[in-house]
């Protein structure tokens, strides 16, 4: 079952308000408890400011050219000069796109 970020947020908020254990809430709503645990873990990481980079995104540095991030058909090239100057801003944008 594919669930959108908005739906996950709805389920997580419902769980917080329910007062139930993760397992009981997940089972009672037809969700797999392990999947629900993973959603909670990812939400905690987002709230802490850390973002896990999925295995599909493979940043690599090419000789003196910059950083290339590829995911599926999308390829982002970040020149070294920009990376050095604006790395924080670039990371914020990448974080927001997940």
N, C-alpha and C. Protein backbone atom coordinates (compact mmCIF):
# COMPACT_ATOMS: atom_id res chain seq x y z
N UNK A 1 0.85 -1.17 0.00
CA UNK A 1 0.00 0.00 0.00
C UNK A 1 0.90 1.24 0.00
N UNK A 2 0.76 2.07 -1.02
CA UNK A 2 1.52 3.31 -1.14
C UNK A 2 0.75 4.41 -0.41
N UNK A 3 1.46 5.11 0.49
CA UNK A 3 0.82 6.14 1.30
C UNK A 3 1.56 7.46 1.11
N UNK A 4 0.82 8.54 0.89
CA UNK A 4 1.44 9.85 0.70
C UNK A 4 1.95 10.40 2.02
N UNK A 5 2.80 11.41 1.94
CA UNK A 5 3.33 12.06 3.14
C UNK A 5 2.20 12.65 3.98
N UNK A 6 1.17 13.20 3.32
CA UNK A 6 0.04 13.78 4.04
C UNK A 6 -0.74 12.71 4.80
N UNK A 7 -0.92 11.55 4.14
CA UNK A 7 -1.63 10.45 4.81
C UNK A 7 -0.83 9.94 6.02
N UNK A 8 0.48 9.84 5.85
CA UNK A 8 1.32 9.41 6.97
C UNK A 8 1.19 10.38 8.14
N UNK A 9 1.20 11.68 7.83
CA UNK A 9 1.06 12.69 8.87
C UNK A 9 -0.28 12.55 9.58
N UNK A 10 -1.32 12.25 8.82
CA UNK A 10 -2.65 12.05 9.40
C UNK A 10 -2.65 10.85 10.35
N UNK A 11 -2.06 9.73 9.89
CA UNK A 11 -1.99 8.53 10.73
C UNK A 11 -1.17 8.79 11.99
N UNK A 12 -0.04 9.47 11.84
CA UNK A 12 0.81 9.75 13.00
C UNK A 12 0.10 10.65 14.01
N UNK A 13 -0.60 11.65 13.53
CA UNK A 13 -1.33 12.54 14.43
C UNK A 13 -2.45 11.78 15.13
N UNK A 14 -3.14 10.92 14.39
CA UNK A 14 -4.19 10.09 14.99
C UNK A 14 -3.64 9.19 16.09
N UNK A 15 -2.46 8.62 15.84
CA UNK A 15 -1.82 7.77 16.85
C UNK A 15 -1.47 8.57 18.10
N UNK A 16 -0.88 9.75 17.91
CA UNK A 16 -0.51 10.59 19.05
C UNK A 16 -1.72 10.93 19.91
N UNK A 17 -2.84 11.20 19.27
CA UNK A 17 -4.04 11.58 20.00
C UNK A 17 -4.77 10.39 20.62
N UNK A 18 -4.50 9.19 20.09
CA UNK A 18 -5.22 8.01 20.56
C UNK A 18 -4.78 7.52 21.93
N UNK A 19 -3.52 7.76 22.28
CA UNK A 19 -3.00 7.25 23.55
C UNK A 19 -2.69 5.76 23.51
N UNK A 20 -2.83 5.14 22.34
CA UNK A 20 -2.58 3.70 22.20
C UNK A 20 -1.10 3.45 21.92
N UNK A 21 -0.71 2.20 22.11
CA UNK A 21 0.65 1.81 21.73
C UNK A 21 0.73 1.82 20.21
N UNK A 22 1.95 1.87 19.71
CA UNK A 22 2.16 1.86 18.25
C UNK A 22 1.54 0.60 17.66
N UNK A 23 1.81 -0.54 18.28
CA UNK A 23 1.32 -1.81 17.76
C UNK A 23 -0.21 -1.83 17.73
N UNK A 24 -0.84 -1.43 18.84
CA UNK A 24 -2.30 -1.47 18.92
C UNK A 24 -2.94 -0.52 17.90
N UNK A 25 -2.39 0.68 17.77
CA UNK A 25 -2.94 1.64 16.81
C UNK A 25 -2.80 1.13 15.38
N UNK A 26 -1.60 0.64 15.05
CA UNK A 26 -1.36 0.15 13.69
C UNK A 26 -2.31 -1.00 13.37
N UNK A 27 -2.36 -1.99 14.23
CA UNK A 27 -3.23 -3.15 13.99
C UNK A 27 -4.69 -2.74 13.91
N UNK A 28 -5.11 -1.85 14.79
CA UNK A 28 -6.50 -1.41 14.81
C UNK A 28 -6.91 -0.62 13.58
N UNK A 29 -5.92 -0.11 12.85
CA UNK A 29 -6.21 0.67 11.64
C UNK A 29 -5.76 -0.02 10.36
N UNK A 30 -5.46 -1.31 10.46
CA UNK A 30 -5.10 -2.09 9.27
C UNK A 30 -3.72 -1.79 8.72
N UNK A 31 -2.83 -1.28 9.58
CA UNK A 31 -1.46 -0.98 9.16
C UNK A 31 -0.51 -2.02 9.73
N UNK A 32 0.58 -2.25 9.05
CA UNK A 32 1.60 -3.14 9.59
C UNK A 32 2.38 -2.40 10.68
N UNK A 33 2.47 -2.97 11.87
CA UNK A 33 3.18 -2.28 12.95
C UNK A 33 4.60 -1.87 12.60
N UNK A 34 5.36 -2.73 11.91
CA UNK A 34 6.75 -2.38 11.56
C UNK A 34 6.78 -1.18 10.62
N UNK A 35 5.86 -1.13 9.69
CA UNK A 35 5.79 0.00 8.78
C UNK A 35 5.49 1.28 9.57
N UNK A 36 4.57 1.18 10.51
CA UNK A 36 4.20 2.34 11.31
C UNK A 36 5.38 2.79 12.17
N UNK A 37 6.14 1.84 12.74
CA UNK A 37 7.35 2.18 13.48
C UNK A 37 8.33 2.95 12.59
N UNK A 38 8.47 2.51 11.34
CA UNK A 38 9.38 3.20 10.40
C UNK A 38 8.91 4.63 10.12
N UNK A 39 7.61 4.83 9.99
CA UNK A 39 7.09 6.19 9.78
C UNK A 39 7.44 7.08 10.97
N UNK A 40 7.28 6.55 12.17
CA UNK A 40 7.60 7.31 13.38
C UNK A 40 9.08 7.67 13.41
N UNK A 41 9.92 6.70 13.07
CA UNK A 41 11.37 6.93 13.05
C UNK A 41 11.73 8.04 12.07
N UNK A 42 11.16 7.98 10.86
CA UNK A 42 11.44 9.02 9.86
C UNK A 42 10.94 10.39 10.30
N UNK A 43 9.78 10.42 10.92
CA UNK A 43 9.23 11.68 11.42
C UNK A 43 10.13 12.27 12.50
N UNK A 44 10.63 11.41 13.39
CA UNK A 44 11.55 11.87 14.43
C UNK A 44 12.83 12.43 13.82
N UNK A 45 13.32 11.79 12.76
CA UNK A 45 14.54 12.27 12.09
C UNK A 45 14.28 13.63 11.45
N UNK A 46 13.13 13.80 10.81
CA UNK A 46 12.81 15.10 10.20
C UNK A 46 12.73 16.19 11.26
N UNK A 47 12.10 15.86 12.37
CA UNK A 47 11.95 16.84 13.45
C UNK A 47 13.29 17.21 14.06
N UNK A 48 14.24 16.28 14.04
CA UNK A 48 15.55 16.55 14.63
C UNK A 48 16.46 17.33 13.68
N UNK A 49 16.05 17.46 12.41
CA UNK A 49 16.87 18.18 11.45
C UNK A 49 17.76 17.26 10.62
N UNK A 50 17.78 15.98 10.94
CA UNK A 50 18.57 15.04 10.17
C UNK A 50 17.67 14.35 9.16
N UNK A 51 18.18 14.17 7.98
CA UNK A 51 17.42 13.54 6.92
C UNK A 51 18.22 12.36 6.40
N UNK A 52 17.57 11.19 6.38
CA UNK A 52 18.23 10.01 5.84
C UNK A 52 18.17 10.10 4.32
N UNK A 53 19.29 9.89 3.67
CA UNK A 53 19.32 9.91 2.21
C UNK A 53 19.07 8.49 1.73
N UNK A 54 17.99 8.29 0.97
CA UNK A 54 17.69 6.94 0.50
C UNK A 54 18.83 6.38 -0.34
N UNK A 55 18.92 5.07 -0.38
CA UNK A 55 19.99 4.41 -1.12
C UNK A 55 19.96 4.75 -2.61
N UNK A 56 18.77 5.11 -3.13
CA UNK A 56 18.66 5.42 -4.55
C UNK A 56 19.39 6.70 -4.92
N UNK A 57 19.60 7.59 -3.95
CA UNK A 57 20.31 8.84 -4.23
C UNK A 57 21.78 8.60 -3.96
N UNK A 58 22.60 8.73 -4.99
CA UNK A 58 24.01 8.43 -4.86
C UNK A 58 24.86 9.64 -5.22
N UNK A 59 25.16 10.51 -4.23
CA UNK A 59 26.03 11.65 -4.55
C UNK A 59 27.43 11.16 -4.86
N UNK A 60 28.06 11.79 -5.81
CA UNK A 60 29.45 11.46 -6.11
C UNK A 60 30.17 12.73 -6.52
N UNK A 61 31.43 12.79 -6.26
CA UNK A 61 32.21 13.95 -6.63
C UNK A 61 33.04 13.60 -7.85
N UNK A 62 32.88 14.40 -8.89
CA UNK A 62 33.68 14.21 -10.10
C UNK A 62 34.87 15.15 -10.01
N UNK A 63 35.96 14.73 -10.55
CA UNK A 63 37.21 15.50 -10.47
C UNK A 63 37.01 16.96 -10.83
N UNK A 64 37.17 17.83 -9.85
CA UNK A 64 37.16 19.28 -10.00
C UNK A 64 35.93 19.84 -10.71
N UNK A 65 34.90 19.02 -10.89
CA UNK A 65 33.70 19.51 -11.55
C UNK A 65 32.60 19.82 -10.56
N UNK A 66 32.42 18.98 -9.57
CA UNK A 66 31.38 19.23 -8.60
C UNK A 66 30.75 17.95 -8.11
N UNK A 67 29.56 18.09 -7.58
CA UNK A 67 28.83 16.97 -7.02
C UNK A 67 27.64 16.68 -7.92
N UNK A 68 27.41 15.41 -8.19
CA UNK A 68 26.28 15.01 -9.01
C UNK A 68 25.41 14.09 -8.15
N UNK A 69 24.12 14.41 -8.09
CA UNK A 69 23.16 13.59 -7.36
C UNK A 69 22.17 13.06 -8.38
N UNK A 70 22.03 11.73 -8.42
CA UNK A 70 21.14 11.11 -9.40
C UNK A 70 20.07 10.30 -8.68
N UNK A 71 18.85 10.43 -9.18
CA UNK A 71 17.75 9.61 -8.69
C UNK A 71 16.80 9.37 -9.86
N UNK A 72 16.77 8.16 -10.32
CA UNK A 72 15.95 7.85 -11.49
C UNK A 72 16.42 8.65 -12.68
N UNK A 73 15.50 9.37 -13.32
CA UNK A 73 15.83 10.18 -14.49
C UNK A 73 16.33 11.57 -14.12
N UNK A 74 16.35 11.88 -12.85
CA UNK A 74 16.76 13.22 -12.40
C UNK A 74 18.24 13.22 -12.08
N UNK A 75 18.94 14.22 -12.59
CA UNK A 75 20.38 14.37 -12.36
C UNK A 75 20.65 15.82 -11.98
N UNK A 76 21.18 16.03 -10.77
CA UNK A 76 21.48 17.38 -10.30
C UNK A 76 22.99 17.54 -10.25
N UNK A 77 23.51 18.55 -10.92
CA UNK A 77 24.94 18.83 -10.91
C UNK A 77 25.17 20.11 -10.12
N UNK A 78 26.01 20.02 -9.09
CA UNK A 78 26.32 21.18 -8.25
C UNK A 78 27.81 21.47 -8.41
N UNK A 79 28.17 22.55 -9.09
CA UNK A 79 29.59 22.89 -9.26
C UNK A 79 30.28 23.07 -7.90
N UNK A 80 31.55 22.73 -7.83
CA UNK A 80 32.32 22.83 -6.60
C UNK A 80 32.26 24.24 -6.03
N UNK A 81 32.38 25.25 -6.87
CA UNK A 81 32.39 26.64 -6.38
C UNK A 81 31.09 26.98 -5.67
N UNK A 82 29.97 26.52 -6.21
CA UNK A 82 28.67 26.78 -5.58
C UNK A 82 28.57 25.99 -4.28
N UNK A 83 29.01 24.74 -4.32
CA UNK A 83 28.93 23.89 -3.14
C UNK A 83 29.67 24.53 -1.96
N UNK A 84 30.85 25.04 -2.24
CA UNK A 84 31.65 25.64 -1.17
C UNK A 84 30.97 26.87 -0.59
N UNK A 85 30.31 27.65 -1.42
CA UNK A 85 29.69 28.89 -0.97
C UNK A 85 28.30 28.68 -0.34
N UNK A 86 27.51 27.82 -0.93
CA UNK A 86 26.10 27.72 -0.55
C UNK A 86 25.67 26.31 -0.15
N UNK A 87 26.56 25.53 0.41
CA UNK A 87 26.24 24.13 0.71
C UNK A 87 25.05 24.01 1.67
N UNK A 88 24.94 24.88 2.64
CA UNK A 88 23.84 24.80 3.59
C UNK A 88 22.50 25.02 2.88
N UNK A 89 22.43 26.01 2.02
CA UNK A 89 21.19 26.29 1.29
C UNK A 89 20.82 25.13 0.37
N UNK A 90 21.82 24.55 -0.27
CA UNK A 90 21.56 23.42 -1.17
C UNK A 90 21.02 22.24 -0.38
N UNK A 91 21.61 21.95 0.77
CA UNK A 91 21.15 20.84 1.59
C UNK A 91 19.72 21.06 2.08
N UNK A 92 19.35 22.30 2.39
CA UNK A 92 17.98 22.61 2.82
C UNK A 92 16.98 22.33 1.69
N UNK A 93 17.36 22.69 0.47
CA UNK A 93 16.48 22.44 -0.67
C UNK A 93 16.32 20.94 -0.88
N UNK A 94 17.43 20.20 -0.84
CA UNK A 94 17.36 18.75 -1.00
C UNK A 94 16.51 18.12 0.11
N UNK A 95 16.64 18.61 1.31
CA UNK A 95 15.87 18.11 2.44
C UNK A 95 14.37 18.32 2.20
N UNK A 96 14.02 19.48 1.69
CA UNK A 96 12.62 19.82 1.47
C UNK A 96 11.99 18.99 0.36
N UNK A 97 12.79 18.44 -0.54
CA UNK A 97 12.24 17.69 -1.67
C UNK A 97 11.98 16.23 -1.33
N UNK A 98 12.34 15.79 -0.17
CA UNK A 98 12.12 14.39 0.17
C UNK A 98 10.72 14.14 0.62
